[in-house]
C-alpha atoms as a PDB file:
ATOM      1  CA  MET A   1     -17.943 -67.289 -24.066  1.00  0.00           C
ATOM      2  CA  GLY A   2     -20.336 -68.103 -25.121  1.00  0.00           C
ATOM      3  CA  THR A   3     -23.404 -70.639 -25.166  1.00  0.00           C
ATOM      4  CA  VAL A   4     -25.015 -72.789 -27.246  1.00  0.00           C
ATOM      5  CA  VAL A   5     -28.361 -74.589 -26.344  1.00  0.00           C
ATOM      6  CA  VAL A   6     -29.447 -77.885 -28.211  1.00  0.00           C
ATOM      7  CA  ASP A   7     -32.950 -79.168 -27.934  1.00  0.00           C
ATOM      8  CA  VAL A   8     -33.270 -82.237 -28.248  1.00  0.00           C
ATOM      9  CA  MET A   9     -37.219 -83.965 -28.588  1.00  0.00           C
ATOM     10  CA  LEU A  10     -38.932 -87.803 -29.443  1.00  0.00           C
ATOM     11  CA  LYS A  11     -40.735 -87.812 -32.392  1.00  0.00           C
ATOM     12  CA  SER A  12     -44.215 -87.122 -31.473  1.00  0.00           C
ATOM     13  CA  GLU A  13     -44.974 -91.163 -32.551  1.00  0.00           C
ATOM     14  CA  ILE A  14     -43.994 -92.060 -29.765  1.00  0.00           C
ATOM     15  CA  LEU A  15     -44.733 -93.021 -26.766  1.00  0.00           C
ATOM     16  CA  ASP A  16     -42.743 -91.249 -24.356  1.00  0.00           C
ATOM     17  CA  PRO A  17     -43.513 -92.782 -20.884  1.00  0.00           C
ATOM     18  CA  GLN A  18     -41.479 -90.425 -18.410  1.00  0.00           C
ATOM     19  CA  GLY A  19     -44.217 -87.048 -20.005  1.00  0.00           C
ATOM     20  CA  GLN A  20     -47.365 -89.991 -19.408  1.00  0.00           C
ATOM     21  CA  ALA A  21     -45.801 -90.014 -15.152  1.00  0.00           C
ATOM     22  CA  VAL A  22     -45.219 -86.688 -15.082  1.00  0.00           C
ATOM     23  CA  ALA A  23     -49.318 -86.195 -16.878  1.00  0.00           C
ATOM     24  CA  GLY A  24     -50.954 -88.221 -14.215  1.00  0.00           C
ATOM     25  CA  ALA A  25     -48.948 -86.306 -11.066  1.00  0.00           C
ATOM     26  CA  LEU A  26     -50.201 -82.921 -12.285  1.00  0.00           C
ATOM     27  CA  PRO A  27     -53.636 -82.924 -11.900  1.00  0.00           C
ATOM     28  CA  ARG A  28     -52.858 -84.578  -8.624  1.00  0.00           C
ATOM     29  CA  LEU A  29     -51.091 -81.763  -6.853  1.00  0.00           C
ATOM     30  CA  GLY A  30     -53.960 -79.470  -8.514  1.00  0.00           C
ATOM     31  CA  PHE A  31     -52.622 -78.549 -11.958  1.00  0.00           C
ATOM     32  CA  ASN A  32     -55.643 -79.236 -14.267  1.00  0.00           C
ATOM     33  CA  GLN A  33     -54.817 -76.798 -17.437  1.00  0.00           C
ATOM     34  CA  PHE A  34     -51.996 -79.632 -18.823  1.00  0.00           C
ATOM     35  CA  THR A  35     -52.945 -82.062 -20.969  1.00  0.00           C
ATOM     36  CA  ASP A  36     -50.177 -83.688 -22.412  1.00  0.00           C
ATOM     37  CA  VAL A  37     -46.580 -84.030 -21.280  1.00  0.00           C
ATOM     38  CA  ARG A  38     -43.428 -84.810 -23.023  1.00  0.00           C
ATOM     39  CA  GLN A  39     -40.680 -84.847 -21.865  1.00  0.00           C
ATOM     40  CA  GLY A  40     -37.195 -84.173 -23.208  1.00  0.00           C
ATOM     41  CA  LYS A  41     -33.446 -83.377 -23.327  1.00  0.00           C
ATOM     42  CA  ARG A  42     -31.755 -80.171 -23.614  1.00  0.00           C
ATOM     43  CA  PHE A  43     -27.777 -79.539 -24.168  1.00  0.00           C
ATOM     44  CA  GLU A  44     -25.800 -76.666 -23.349  1.00  0.00           C
ATOM     45  CA  LEU A  45     -22.047 -76.201 -25.235  1.00  0.00           C
ATOM     46  CA  THR A  46     -20.390 -73.719 -23.663  1.00  0.00           C
ATOM     47  CA  VAL A  47     -17.195 -72.095 -26.440  1.00  0.00           C
ATOM     48  CA  GLN A  48     -15.040 -69.027 -26.163  1.00  0.00           C
ATOM     49  CA  GLY A  49     -15.695 -65.873 -28.598  1.00  0.00           C
ATOM     50  CA  GLU A  50     -19.079 -65.443 -29.955  1.00  0.00           C
ATOM     51  CA  VAL A  51     -21.518 -67.350 -30.964  1.00  0.00           C
ATOM     52  CA  THR A  52     -21.721 -67.491 -34.826  1.00  0.00           C
ATOM     53  CA  ASP A  53     -23.409 -68.329 -37.850  1.00  0.00           C
ATOM     54  CA  GLU A  54     -20.622 -71.320 -38.549  1.00  0.00           C
ATOM     55  CA  VAL A  55     -20.762 -72.699 -34.332  1.00  0.00           C
ATOM     56  CA  LEU A  56     -24.384 -72.640 -35.078  1.00  0.00           C
ATOM     57  CA  ALA A  57     -24.017 -74.402 -37.816  1.00  0.00           C
ATOM     58  CA  ALA A  58     -21.684 -76.065 -36.334  1.00  0.00           C
ATOM     59  CA  ALA A  59     -23.899 -77.136 -33.670  1.00  0.00           C
ATOM     60  CA  ARG A  60     -26.815 -78.138 -35.461  1.00  0.00           C
ATOM     61  CA  SER A  61     -24.366 -80.811 -37.315  1.00  0.00           C
ATOM     62  CA  ALA A  62     -23.610 -82.578 -33.565  1.00  0.00           C
ATOM     63  CA  ALA A  63     -27.061 -82.829 -32.242  1.00  0.00           C
ATOM     64  CA  GLU A  64     -28.174 -84.363 -34.815  1.00  0.00           C
ATOM     65  CA  THR A  65     -24.675 -87.041 -35.384  1.00  0.00           C
ATOM     66  CA  MET A  66     -24.300 -87.353 -31.838  1.00  0.00           C
ATOM     67  CA  LEU A  67     -26.812 -85.608 -29.297  1.00  0.00           C
ATOM     68  CA  SER A  68     -29.709 -87.036 -30.562  1.00  0.00           C
ATOM     69  CA  ASN A  69     -30.528 -90.279 -31.931  1.00  0.00           C
ATOM     70  CA  PRO A  70     -32.000 -89.687 -35.515  1.00  0.00           C
ATOM     71  CA  VAL A  71     -34.510 -92.584 -35.710  1.00  0.00           C
ATOM     72  CA  ILE A  72     -36.493 -91.542 -31.975  1.00  0.00           C
ATOM     73  CA  GLU A  73     -35.844 -88.121 -31.119  1.00  0.00           C
ATOM     74  CA  ASP A  74     -36.115 -84.659 -33.409  1.00  0.00           C
ATOM     75  CA  VAL A  75     -34.026 -81.462 -32.978  1.00  0.00           C
ATOM     76  CA  VAL A  76     -35.946 -79.394 -32.094  1.00  0.00           C
ATOM     77  CA  GLY A  77     -34.207 -76.087 -31.504  1.00  0.00           C
ATOM     78  CA  VAL A  78     -30.679 -74.854 -31.725  1.00  0.00           C
ATOM     79  CA  ARG A  79     -29.702 -71.198 -30.548  1.00  0.00           C
ATOM     80  CA  ALA A  80     -27.376 -68.606 -28.764  1.00  0.00           C
ATOM     81  CA  GLU A  81     -28.029 -68.208 -25.142  1.00  0.00           C
ATOM     82  CA  SER A  82     -26.500 -65.219 -23.908  1.00  0.00           C
ATOM     83  CA  ASN A  83     -25.766 -64.535 -20.456  1.00  0.00           C
ATOM     84  CA  ASP A  84     -29.276 -62.895 -19.291  1.00  0.00           C
ATOM     85  CA  ALA A  85     -30.544 -65.960 -19.836  1.00  0.00           C
ATOM     86  CA  GLY A  86     -32.382 -64.872 -23.197  1.00  0.00           C
ATOM     87  CA  SER A  87     -32.213 -65.501 -26.999  1.00  0.00           C
ATOM     88  CA  GLN A  88     -30.150 -63.592 -29.112  1.00  0.00           C
ATOM     89  CA  VAL A  89     -29.848 -66.079 -32.229  1.00  0.00           C
ATOM     90  CA  ALA A  90     -31.613 -68.379 -33.474  1.00  0.00           C
ATOM     91  CA  GLU A  91     -30.887 -71.154 -36.532  1.00  0.00           C
ATOM     92  CA  PRO A  92     -34.594 -71.952 -38.126  1.00  0.00           C
ATOM     93  CA  LEU A  93     -35.033 -75.300 -38.194  1.00  0.00           C
ATOM     94  CA  ALA A  94     -35.020 -77.667 -40.911  1.00  0.00           C
END
């Protein structure tokens, strides 16, 4: 079995209240080195067999069609992930 990971983020011009809340809480917890936080979504899609270029292309199409809202979000990553949690293959972002 293979896994495709899709990362989706709010566009930079879209207000991110959850990210702002986390950014405000970090200094109160002693994490002063971070100046901004943006939250996003991660999807893990499992496939039978290997993750091929065709599977990655289908995952990108699904991400742009269903997993993200193109009005307010960007698909920022579509990649294969190995069983040891390291990336094997990455599809270039357009």
